[in-house]
Amino acid sequence: MRRTLVPILLLALALTAGAAAARQRNRDEDVARAALQRGEVLPIVRILALVGQHLPGDVIEVKLEERRDRLRYEIKVLTPEGRVRELQLDARDGAFIAIED
């Protein structure tokens, strides 16, 4: 009986963690959508058009993050040299913030 119970408990924990992660993603999407509708952030299409001006390469990930009461896009780019670098742009106006390795 005990051998059967442990895998079931582990599965239940994994499902609970997965459901919590899905709820967080949904909340993040709702926050981003609301900020866009209020005009607090540029649409992703406009941000992607700015990426190449600062960091050439292929965009592999985009996140909208809040830091110090300011929203910013964090864009991971695979450079032509094969390095993954992160470009940070102000979400409101697309202004350059930083490039990190």
N, C-alpha and C. Protein backbone atom coordinates (compact mmCIF):
# COMPACT_ATOMS: atom_id res chain seq x y z
N MET A 1 0.83 -1.20 0.00
CA MET A 1 0.00 0.00 0.00
C MET A 1 0.86 1.26 0.00
N ARG A 2 1.91 1.26 0.82
CA ARG A 2 2.76 2.43 0.95
C ARG A 2 3.49 2.72 -0.36
N ARG A 3 3.92 1.70 -1.08
CA ARG A 3 4.62 1.89 -2.36
C ARG A 3 3.72 2.57 -3.39
N THR A 4 2.46 2.33 -3.33
CA THR A 4 1.51 2.93 -4.26
C THR A 4 1.21 4.37 -3.86
N LEU A 5 1.18 4.66 -2.59
CA LEU A 5 0.82 5.97 -2.09
C LEU A 5 1.86 7.03 -2.43
N VAL A 6 3.14 6.72 -2.35
CA VAL A 6 4.20 7.70 -2.61
C VAL A 6 4.13 8.24 -4.04
N PRO A 7 4.07 7.39 -5.08
CA PRO A 7 3.96 7.95 -6.43
C PRO A 7 2.70 8.79 -6.64
N ILE A 8 1.61 8.39 -6.01
CA ILE A 8 0.38 9.16 -6.14
C ILE A 8 0.53 10.54 -5.50
N LEU A 9 1.18 10.59 -4.34
CA LEU A 9 1.42 11.88 -3.68
C LEU A 9 2.35 12.75 -4.51
N LEU A 10 3.37 12.17 -5.09
CA LEU A 10 4.29 12.93 -5.93
C LEU A 10 3.58 13.48 -7.16
N LEU A 11 2.72 12.67 -7.75
CA LEU A 11 1.95 13.13 -8.91
C LEU A 11 1.02 14.27 -8.51
N ALA A 12 0.36 14.16 -7.37
CA ALA A 12 -0.54 15.22 -6.90
C ALA A 12 0.23 16.51 -6.67
N LEU A 13 1.43 16.43 -6.09
CA LEU A 13 2.25 17.62 -5.88
C LEU A 13 2.66 18.25 -7.21
N ALA A 14 3.03 17.43 -8.16
CA ALA A 14 3.44 17.94 -9.48
C ALA A 14 2.26 18.62 -10.17
N LEU A 15 1.09 18.03 -10.10
CA LEU A 15 -0.10 18.63 -10.73
C LEU A 15 -0.47 19.95 -10.06
N THR A 16 -0.34 20.02 -8.75
CA THR A 16 -0.64 21.25 -8.02
C THR A 16 0.34 22.35 -8.42
N ALA A 17 1.63 22.02 -8.51
CA ALA A 17 2.63 23.00 -8.91
C ALA A 17 2.38 23.48 -10.34
N GLY A 18 2.01 22.57 -11.23
CA GLY A 18 1.71 22.93 -12.61
C GLY A 18 0.51 23.86 -12.71
N ALA A 19 -0.50 23.59 -11.91
CA ALA A 19 -1.70 24.44 -11.92
C ALA A 19 -1.37 25.83 -11.38
N ALA A 20 -0.54 25.91 -10.35
CA ALA A 20 -0.14 27.21 -9.80
C ALA A 20 0.66 28.01 -10.83
N ALA A 21 1.54 27.34 -11.56
CA ALA A 21 2.33 28.02 -12.60
C ALA A 21 1.41 28.53 -13.71
N ALA A 22 0.42 27.76 -14.08
CA ALA A 22 -0.53 28.18 -15.12
C ALA A 22 -1.33 29.39 -14.65
N ARG A 23 -1.75 29.41 -13.39
CA ARG A 23 -2.48 30.57 -12.86
C ARG A 23 -1.60 31.81 -12.88
N GLN A 24 -0.32 31.67 -12.53
CA GLN A 24 0.59 32.81 -12.54
C GLN A 24 0.79 33.34 -13.96
N ARG A 25 0.93 32.43 -14.95
CA ARG A 25 1.07 32.86 -16.34
C ARG A 25 -0.16 33.64 -16.79
N ASN A 26 -1.33 33.16 -16.41
CA ASN A 26 -2.57 33.85 -16.77
C ASN A 26 -2.63 35.24 -16.14
N ARG A 27 -2.21 35.35 -14.87
CA ARG A 27 -2.18 36.66 -14.22
C ARG A 27 -1.20 37.59 -14.92
N ASP A 28 -0.01 37.06 -15.28
CA ASP A 28 0.99 37.86 -15.99
C ASP A 28 0.45 38.36 -17.32
N GLU A 29 -0.25 37.50 -18.04
CA GLU A 29 -0.83 37.89 -19.33
C GLU A 29 -1.90 38.95 -19.13
N ASP A 30 -2.69 38.83 -18.08
CA ASP A 30 -3.73 39.82 -17.80
C ASP A 30 -3.11 41.18 -17.48
N VAL A 31 -2.04 41.19 -16.69
CA VAL A 31 -1.35 42.44 -16.34
C VAL A 31 -0.79 43.09 -17.60
N ALA A 32 -0.15 42.31 -18.46
CA ALA A 32 0.44 42.84 -19.69
C ALA A 32 -0.65 43.38 -20.61
N ARG A 33 -1.75 42.66 -20.76
CA ARG A 33 -2.84 43.09 -21.63
C ARG A 33 -3.44 44.40 -21.12
N ALA A 34 -3.65 44.50 -19.81
CA ALA A 34 -4.22 45.71 -19.23
C ALA A 34 -3.28 46.89 -19.41
N ALA A 35 -1.97 46.68 -19.22
CA ALA A 35 -0.99 47.76 -19.40
C ALA A 35 -0.99 48.24 -20.85
N LEU A 36 -1.10 47.33 -21.79
CA LEU A 36 -1.15 47.70 -23.21
C LEU A 36 -2.41 48.51 -23.51
N GLN A 37 -3.54 48.07 -22.98
CA GLN A 37 -4.80 48.78 -23.21
C GLN A 37 -4.79 50.19 -22.61
N ARG A 38 -4.08 50.37 -21.50
CA ARG A 38 -3.97 51.69 -20.87
C ARG A 38 -2.91 52.56 -21.52
N GLY A 39 -2.18 52.01 -22.48
CA GLY A 39 -1.13 52.77 -23.14
C GLY A 39 0.15 52.88 -22.34
N GLU A 40 0.33 52.01 -21.36
CA GLU A 40 1.51 52.06 -20.49
C GLU A 40 2.70 51.33 -21.11
N VAL A 41 2.46 50.50 -22.11
CA VAL A 41 3.54 49.76 -22.77
C VAL A 41 3.33 49.77 -24.27
N LEU A 42 4.43 49.69 -25.00
CA LEU A 42 4.35 49.56 -26.45
C LEU A 42 3.98 48.13 -26.81
N PRO A 43 3.28 47.94 -27.91
CA PRO A 43 2.99 46.57 -28.36
C PRO A 43 4.28 45.84 -28.70
N ILE A 44 4.26 44.56 -28.55
CA ILE A 44 5.44 43.73 -28.79
C ILE A 44 5.97 43.89 -30.22
N VAL A 45 5.09 44.10 -31.17
CA VAL A 45 5.52 44.28 -32.57
C VAL A 45 6.44 45.50 -32.68
N ARG A 46 6.10 46.58 -31.98
CA ARG A 46 6.94 47.79 -32.01
C ARG A 46 8.27 47.53 -31.32
N ILE A 47 8.23 46.80 -30.22
CA ILE A 47 9.47 46.49 -29.49
C ILE A 47 10.39 45.62 -30.35
N LEU A 48 9.83 44.61 -31.00
CA LEU A 48 10.65 43.73 -31.84
C LEU A 48 11.30 44.49 -32.98
N ALA A 49 10.64 45.53 -33.48
CA ALA A 49 11.22 46.33 -34.55
C ALA A 49 12.44 47.12 -34.06
N LEU A 50 12.51 47.39 -32.77
CA LEU A 50 13.63 48.14 -32.19
C LEU A 50 14.83 47.27 -31.84
N VAL A 51 14.62 45.99 -31.66
CA VAL A 51 15.68 45.10 -31.18
C VAL A 51 16.92 45.16 -32.05
N GLY A 52 16.76 45.02 -33.36
CA GLY A 52 17.90 45.00 -34.27
C GLY A 52 18.74 46.25 -34.25
N GLN A 53 18.16 47.38 -33.85
CA GLN A 53 18.93 48.62 -33.75
C GLN A 53 19.96 48.57 -32.64
N HIS A 54 19.70 47.74 -31.63
CA HIS A 54 20.57 47.68 -30.47
C HIS A 54 21.39 46.39 -30.38
N LEU A 55 20.80 45.30 -30.87
CA LEU A 55 21.45 44.00 -30.71
C LEU A 55 21.02 43.07 -31.84
N PRO A 56 21.86 42.96 -32.88
CA PRO A 56 21.50 42.08 -34.01
C PRO A 56 21.45 40.61 -33.59
N GLY A 57 20.55 39.87 -34.19
CA GLY A 57 20.43 38.45 -33.92
C GLY A 57 18.98 38.01 -33.96
N ASP A 58 18.74 36.82 -33.45
CA ASP A 58 17.40 36.24 -33.43
C ASP A 58 16.81 36.33 -32.03
N VAL A 59 15.61 36.89 -31.93
CA VAL A 59 14.91 36.97 -30.64
C VAL A 59 14.46 35.57 -30.25
N ILE A 60 14.80 35.17 -29.03
CA ILE A 60 14.41 33.84 -28.57
C ILE A 60 13.47 33.87 -27.36
N GLU A 61 13.36 35.05 -26.72
CA GLU A 61 12.44 35.15 -25.58
C GLU A 61 12.18 36.62 -25.28
N VAL A 62 10.95 36.93 -24.89
CA VAL A 62 10.59 38.28 -24.49
C VAL A 62 9.78 38.20 -23.20
N LYS A 63 10.16 39.03 -22.22
CA LYS A 63 9.42 39.11 -20.96
C LYS A 63 9.12 40.57 -20.67
N LEU A 64 7.97 40.80 -20.07
CA LEU A 64 7.62 42.11 -19.56
C LEU A 64 7.80 42.05 -18.05
N GLU A 65 8.72 42.87 -17.53
CA GLU A 65 9.06 42.83 -16.11
C GLU A 65 8.87 44.21 -15.49
N GLU A 66 8.54 44.21 -14.20
CA GLU A 66 8.47 45.47 -13.46
C GLU A 66 9.67 45.55 -12.54
N ARG A 67 10.43 46.63 -12.68
CA ARG A 67 11.60 46.87 -11.82
C ARG A 67 11.61 48.33 -11.43
N ARG A 68 11.75 48.57 -10.14
CA ARG A 68 11.81 49.94 -9.63
C ARG A 68 10.65 50.79 -10.14
N ASP A 69 9.46 50.25 -10.01
CA ASP A 69 8.25 50.96 -10.44
C ASP A 69 8.25 51.35 -11.91
N ARG A 70 8.96 50.58 -12.72
CA ARG A 70 9.00 50.86 -14.16
C ARG A 70 8.91 49.53 -14.90
N LEU A 71 8.07 49.51 -15.93
CA LEU A 71 7.95 48.31 -16.75
C LEU A 71 9.03 48.33 -17.82
N ARG A 72 9.60 47.17 -18.06
CA ARG A 72 10.61 47.04 -19.11
C ARG A 72 10.44 45.71 -19.81
N TYR A 73 10.83 45.71 -21.07
CA TYR A 73 10.90 44.47 -21.81
C TYR A 73 12.31 43.93 -21.68
N GLU A 74 12.42 42.65 -21.37
CA GLU A 74 13.70 41.95 -21.36
C GLU A 74 13.66 40.96 -22.52
N ILE A 75 14.54 41.19 -23.49
CA ILE A 75 14.52 40.42 -24.73
C ILE A 75 15.81 39.62 -24.85
N LYS A 76 15.71 38.30 -24.87
CA LYS A 76 16.89 37.46 -25.08
C LYS A 76 17.10 37.29 -26.57
N VAL A 77 18.36 37.52 -26.98
CA VAL A 77 18.71 37.49 -28.39
C VAL A 77 19.88 36.53 -28.57
N LEU A 78 19.77 35.66 -29.57
CA LEU A 78 20.88 34.80 -29.96
C LEU A 78 21.65 35.57 -31.03
N THR A 79 22.88 35.98 -30.70
CA THR A 79 23.66 36.81 -31.62
C THR A 79 24.23 35.96 -32.74
N PRO A 80 24.68 36.60 -33.84
CA PRO A 80 25.30 35.84 -34.93
C PRO A 80 26.53 35.04 -34.49
N GLU A 81 27.16 35.47 -33.39
CA GLU A 81 28.32 34.75 -32.85
C GLU A 81 27.93 33.55 -31.99
N GLY A 82 26.63 33.37 -31.76
CA GLY A 82 26.16 32.22 -30.98
C GLY A 82 26.00 32.49 -29.50
N ARG A 83 26.12 33.74 -29.07
CA ARG A 83 25.95 34.09 -27.66
C ARG A 83 24.50 34.50 -27.40
N VAL A 84 24.02 34.20 -26.22
CA VAL A 84 22.70 34.66 -25.80
C VAL A 84 22.93 35.89 -24.92
N ARG A 85 22.34 37.02 -25.34
CA ARG A 85 22.46 38.27 -24.60
C ARG A 85 21.05 38.79 -24.34
N GLU A 86 20.94 39.62 -23.31
CA GLU A 86 19.64 40.17 -22.95
C GLU A 86 19.64 41.68 -23.17
N LEU A 87 18.71 42.13 -23.97
CA LEU A 87 18.49 43.55 -24.22
C LEU A 87 17.32 44.00 -23.36
N GLN A 88 17.49 45.13 -22.68
CA GLN A 88 16.42 45.69 -21.87
C GLN A 88 15.99 47.02 -22.47
N LEU A 89 14.68 47.13 -22.72
CA LEU A 89 14.10 48.35 -23.28
C LEU A 89 12.96 48.81 -22.39
N ASP A 90 12.84 50.13 -22.23
CA ASP A 90 11.73 50.70 -21.49
C ASP A 90 10.43 50.32 -22.20
N ALA A 91 9.49 49.78 -21.47
CA ALA A 91 8.25 49.29 -22.09
C ALA A 91 7.34 50.43 -22.55
N ARG A 92 7.46 51.59 -21.96
CA ARG A 92 6.58 52.70 -22.32
C ARG A 92 6.97 53.35 -23.64
N ASP A 93 8.30 53.54 -23.85
CA ASP A 93 8.72 54.27 -25.04
C ASP A 93 9.78 53.57 -25.89
N GLY A 94 10.23 52.38 -25.44
CA GLY A 94 11.22 51.62 -26.20
C GLY A 94 12.64 52.11 -26.02
N ALA A 95 12.87 53.02 -25.08
CA ALA A 95 14.22 53.55 -24.86
C ALA A 95 15.16 52.46 -24.38
N PHE A 96 16.40 52.51 -24.83
CA PHE A 96 17.44 51.56 -24.44
C PHE A 96 17.73 51.71 -22.94
N ILE A 97 17.83 50.57 -22.25
CA ILE A 97 18.22 50.56 -20.84
C ILE A 97 19.58 49.91 -20.68
N ALA A 98 19.72 48.66 -21.19
CA ALA A 98 20.99 47.95 -20.99
C ALA A 98 21.04 46.71 -21.88
N ILE A 99 22.27 46.21 -22.03
CA ILE A 99 22.52 44.90 -22.63
C ILE A 99 23.32 44.11 -21.61
N GLU A 100 22.86 42.91 -21.32
CA GLU A 100 23.56 42.03 -20.38
C GLU A 100 23.93 40.73 -21.04
N ASP A 101 24.99 40.13 -20.55
CA ASP A 101 25.42 38.81 -21.05
C ASP A 101 24.75 37.71 -20.25
